[in-house]
Structures are given as C-alpha cells and as structure tokens.
Amino acid sequence: MRLNDLKDNPGAKKTRIRIGRGIGSGMGKMGGRGGKGQTARSGVRLGGFEGGQMPLHRRLPKRGFNKLNPKHFNEINLGRLQQAVEAGTLDAKTPVDVQALIAAGLVRRPLDGLRILGDGELKVALTITANHASATAKAAIEKAGGSLKLIEKKVLPADEAKRAKTAAKKAKKVKKKGGDAE
C-alpha cells in the first residue's frame, strides 16, 4: 500500500452543491430559493411571525420543567457487572464503586455518581456503593448475597423546613377533603 493509493470509501464524502454559479449548474439564477418575495431574502421569520397575530408558540400553554443544574449519573446494569466479574476485569472481593468501575473500564468518567439498574442476573456477592439503585437491583443484589450501600444526599436545613411545611400543607388539605366527604 502506498500513500497515493489511499482514498475514502465510495459514498463516504459527498460534494456540496455550489449555489448561484450560473443557470447551467442547475442551481443558478434564484439559487434554490424559489421566486421573488419575502422568502427569497435573508432574515425571514415566517415560522414565528403571523402578521401581528399572537403566534402559535405563544398561544399554547407552557408544559414541563427543566432543572437548572440536572445531575447526570453513570447507569450500569447488574448484567454488565456480572460479565465484568466473569471476564476478570472486576474483582468480586473488593468493594464496587465508581472508581472501581472506571478502573475496570465499565465507566469512562465519574459524572455525578452511580445508579444501579436491575437488568440482567447477578450470581456473585458484591459490595456496591452507589447513589441510587432500582428496587429490582436491590432485590437481586441481596438475593446474590451481596450488600448495597446508598450514598446519603446532603439536605440543607432550609430545604428540610420547606419540605416539612409542604407536608403539613398537604396533610391539612387531605384532612379538609376527608372532612367534607363524611
């Protein structure tokens, strides 16, 4: 093989169409923009502007909520852990946490923590430290003879007071509803 023999696979590189280079090119004159008028010019806002009428995207109600700083967890299934133990990349005797999974090559980087999911079967007793675990994962780990330690979330006193206040409000509302029903 020589350097002058190297080339891309057929169809790997698509040449772009050069617009506005004469009528003979097939993309000349109007350059694919159609006829005259608003859409032939730059700065078109047809999608949002409806001639002064309230646009559709503003007439519809807002839905949902996006967290400002969402947490991203490494998610791993029990089946992957079992495969790693069988392959010898993960030691069953040592505690399993994010750092152990990075060393084993199951996880690339630590992110905000670890979430264990219950897909697959676990046959080895593992000591796992994680931020979250699904109910099926917890049951499977305990069934295999292992243990699961969940990392406690830090709760600020202000948040705790707010939660207590909200819970009291809900309890009062339920009590009030219950009183009306009788």
Protein backbone atom coordinates (compact mmCIF):
# COMPACT_ATOMS: atom_id res chain seq x y z
CA MET A 1 0.00 0.00 0.00
CA ARG A 2 1.22 3.49 -0.87
CA LEU A 3 0.07 6.92 0.22
CA ASN A 4 -1.21 7.70 -3.28
CA ASP A 5 -3.43 4.59 -3.11
CA LEU A 6 -5.32 5.81 -0.03
CA LYS A 7 -8.86 7.04 -0.67
CA ASP A 8 -12.25 7.20 1.03
CA ASN A 9 -14.86 4.50 0.63
CA PRO A 10 -17.26 5.24 -2.23
CA GLY A 11 -20.08 7.45 -0.96
CA ALA A 12 -18.21 8.46 2.21
CA LYS A 13 -17.62 12.01 1.01
CA LYS A 14 -20.46 13.96 -0.56
CA THR A 15 -19.58 17.10 -2.51
CA ARG A 16 -21.75 20.08 -1.64
CA ILE A 17 -23.79 21.79 -4.34
CA ARG A 18 -22.37 25.19 -5.25
CA ILE A 19 -25.32 27.54 -5.39
CA GLY A 20 -25.62 30.62 -7.60
CA ARG A 21 -22.98 29.73 -10.20
CA GLY A 22 -24.94 30.17 -13.40
CA ILE A 23 -28.11 28.73 -14.95
CA GLY A 24 -26.20 25.79 -16.47
CA SER A 25 -25.30 24.45 -12.98
CA GLY A 26 -28.95 23.72 -12.16
CA MET A 27 -28.71 25.82 -9.01
CA GLY A 28 -28.28 29.24 -10.61
CA LYS A 29 -30.48 32.30 -11.01
CA MET A 30 -32.64 32.00 -7.83
CA GLY A 31 -30.25 29.52 -6.14
CA GLY A 32 -32.93 27.17 -4.81
CA ARG A 33 -34.85 29.93 -3.03
CA GLY A 34 -37.88 29.81 -5.35
CA GLY A 35 -39.45 33.00 -6.70
CA LYS A 36 -39.29 36.58 -5.50
CA GLY A 37 -40.66 37.99 -2.30
CA GLN A 38 -40.00 37.60 1.42
CA THR A 39 -38.62 34.07 1.30
CA ALA A 40 -36.10 34.98 -1.41
CA ARG A 41 -34.42 37.40 1.00
CA SER A 42 -32.40 36.87 4.15
CA GLY A 43 -33.79 37.40 7.65
CA VAL A 44 -37.09 35.59 7.07
CA ARG A 45 -39.16 34.97 10.21
CA LEU A 46 -42.07 33.07 8.70
CA GLY A 47 -42.03 30.33 11.35
CA GLY A 48 -42.71 32.69 14.25
CA PHE A 49 -44.36 35.77 12.75
CA GLU A 50 -48.04 35.57 11.89
CA GLY A 51 -48.67 39.09 10.62
CA GLY A 52 -49.02 40.62 14.07
CA GLN A 53 -51.42 37.95 15.35
CA MET A 54 -50.30 36.19 18.53
CA PRO A 55 -48.02 33.36 17.27
CA LEU A 56 -48.98 29.74 17.89
CA HIS A 57 -45.95 29.05 20.10
CA ARG A 58 -47.09 31.85 22.41
CA ARG A 59 -50.77 30.86 22.38
CA LEU A 60 -50.06 27.34 23.63
CA PRO A 61 -49.54 26.75 27.35
CA LYS A 62 -46.11 26.07 28.77
CA ARG A 63 -45.57 22.47 29.84
CA GLY A 64 -42.99 20.63 31.87
CA PHE A 65 -39.93 21.74 33.76
CA ASN A 66 -36.23 21.60 33.04
CA LYS A 67 -33.91 21.59 36.02
CA LEU A 68 -31.32 24.35 36.07
CA ASN A 69 -28.45 22.06 37.08
CA PRO A 70 -29.53 18.47 36.39
CA LYS A 71 -27.40 15.64 37.72
CA HIS A 72 -26.05 13.06 35.28
CA PHE A 73 -25.37 9.62 36.73
CA ASN A 74 -23.43 6.66 35.38
CA GLU A 75 -26.04 3.95 34.90
CA ILE A 76 -24.96 0.33 34.95
CA ASN A 77 -26.97 -2.87 34.81
CA LEU A 78 -26.35 -5.91 37.00
CA GLY A 79 -25.75 -7.99 33.87
CA ARG A 80 -22.75 -5.80 32.95
CA LEU A 81 -21.33 -6.20 36.46
CA GLN A 82 -21.69 -10.00 36.20
CA GLN A 83 -19.94 -10.03 32.79
CA ALA A 84 -17.07 -7.95 34.19
CA VAL A 85 -16.65 -10.33 37.15
CA GLU A 86 -16.67 -13.36 34.82
CA ALA A 87 -14.15 -11.67 32.49
CA GLY A 88 -11.87 -10.89 35.44
CA THR A 89 -11.86 -7.11 34.98
CA LEU A 90 -13.83 -6.56 38.20
CA ASP A 91 -12.81 -8.26 41.45
CA ALA A 92 -15.78 -9.65 43.41
CA LYS A 93 -13.95 -9.38 46.74
CA THR A 94 -13.25 -5.63 46.55
CA PRO A 95 -15.99 -3.02 47.06
CA VAL A 96 -17.61 -1.82 43.84
CA ASP A 97 -17.90 1.95 43.45
CA VAL A 98 -17.42 4.47 40.62
CA GLN A 99 -13.61 4.38 40.88
CA ALA A 100 -13.57 0.56 40.69
CA LEU A 101 -15.83 0.67 37.61
CA ILE A 102 -13.54 3.24 35.94
CA ALA A 103 -10.52 1.01 36.65
CA ALA A 104 -12.42 -1.98 35.20
CA GLY A 105 -13.30 0.00 32.07
CA LEU A 106 -17.07 -0.23 32.58
CA VAL A 107 -17.46 3.51 33.08
CA ARG A 108 -15.50 6.27 31.35
CA ARG A 109 -15.70 9.12 33.90
CA PRO A 110 -17.28 9.62 37.34
CA LEU A 111 -20.01 12.19 36.40
CA ASP A 112 -22.29 12.95 39.40
CA GLY A 113 -22.47 9.45 40.81
CA LEU A 114 -23.63 5.90 40.14
CA ARG A 115 -27.06 4.42 39.53
CA ILE A 116 -27.52 0.62 39.59
CA LEU A 117 -30.25 -0.83 37.36
CA GLY A 118 -31.73 -4.31 37.66
CA ASP A 119 -31.41 -5.63 34.09
CA GLY A 120 -29.56 -8.94 33.90
CA GLU A 121 -28.71 -11.54 36.51
CA LEU A 122 -26.16 -11.25 39.31
CA LYS A 123 -24.67 -14.53 40.59
CA VAL A 124 -21.76 -13.15 42.65
CA ALA A 125 -21.98 -11.46 46.05
CA LEU A 126 -20.80 -7.86 45.55
CA THR A 127 -20.42 -4.97 47.98
CA ILE A 128 -21.72 -1.99 45.99
CA THR A 129 -21.64 1.70 46.90
CA ALA A 130 -23.95 3.83 44.74
CA ASN A 131 -26.09 6.97 44.76
CA HIS A 132 -29.26 5.25 43.53
CA ALA A 133 -30.49 1.72 42.86
CA SER A 134 -33.73 0.41 41.41
CA ALA A 135 -35.91 -1.85 43.54
CA THR A 136 -35.20 -4.87 41.31
CA ALA A 137 -31.46 -4.19 41.54
CA LYS A 138 -31.61 -4.03 45.36
CA ALA A 139 -33.52 -7.31 45.49
CA ALA A 140 -31.12 -9.05 43.08
CA ILE A 141 -28.01 -7.87 44.98
CA GLU A 142 -29.41 -9.10 48.32
CA LYS A 143 -30.55 -12.38 46.71
CA ALA A 144 -27.00 -13.00 45.44
CA GLY A 145 -25.68 -12.47 48.98
CA GLY A 146 -24.19 -9.03 48.40
CA SER A 147 -24.80 -5.70 50.05
CA LEU A 148 -25.76 -2.26 48.75
CA LYS A 149 -24.75 0.98 50.45
CA LEU A 150 -26.56 4.08 49.21
CA ILE A 151 -24.74 7.40 49.49
CA GLU A 152 -26.77 9.83 51.59
CA LYS A 153 -27.89 13.05 49.93
CA LYS A 154 -26.96 16.28 51.67
CA VAL A 155 -30.13 18.03 52.82
CA LEU A 156 -29.83 21.64 53.91
CA PRO A 157 -31.80 22.75 56.99
CA ALA A 158 -33.72 25.31 54.88
CA ASP A 159 -34.77 22.55 52.46
CA GLU A 160 -35.83 20.35 55.37
CA ALA A 161 -38.00 23.15 56.81
CA LYS A 162 -39.56 23.73 53.37
CA ARG A 163 -40.36 20.02 52.99
CA ALA A 164 -41.95 19.89 56.44
CA LYS A 165 -44.08 22.96 55.65
CA THR A 166 -45.23 21.44 52.33
CA ALA A 167 -46.04 18.10 54.01
CA ALA A 168 -48.09 19.89 56.69
CA LYS A 169 -49.99 21.81 54.00
CA LYS A 170 -50.76 18.58 52.10
CA ALA A 171 -51.88 16.82 55.29
CA LYS A 172 -54.19 19.75 56.11
CA LYS A 173 -55.64 19.65 52.58
CA VAL A 174 -56.25 15.88 52.76
CA LYS A 175 -57.82 16.23 56.20
CA LYS A 176 -60.08 19.00 54.90
CA LYS A 177 -61.16 16.88 51.90
CA GLY A 178 -61.79 13.90 54.18
CA GLY A 179 -63.99 16.04 56.46
CA ASP A 180 -66.17 17.21 53.55
CA ALA A 181 -66.71 13.66 52.30
CA GLU A 182 -68.19 12.39 55.60
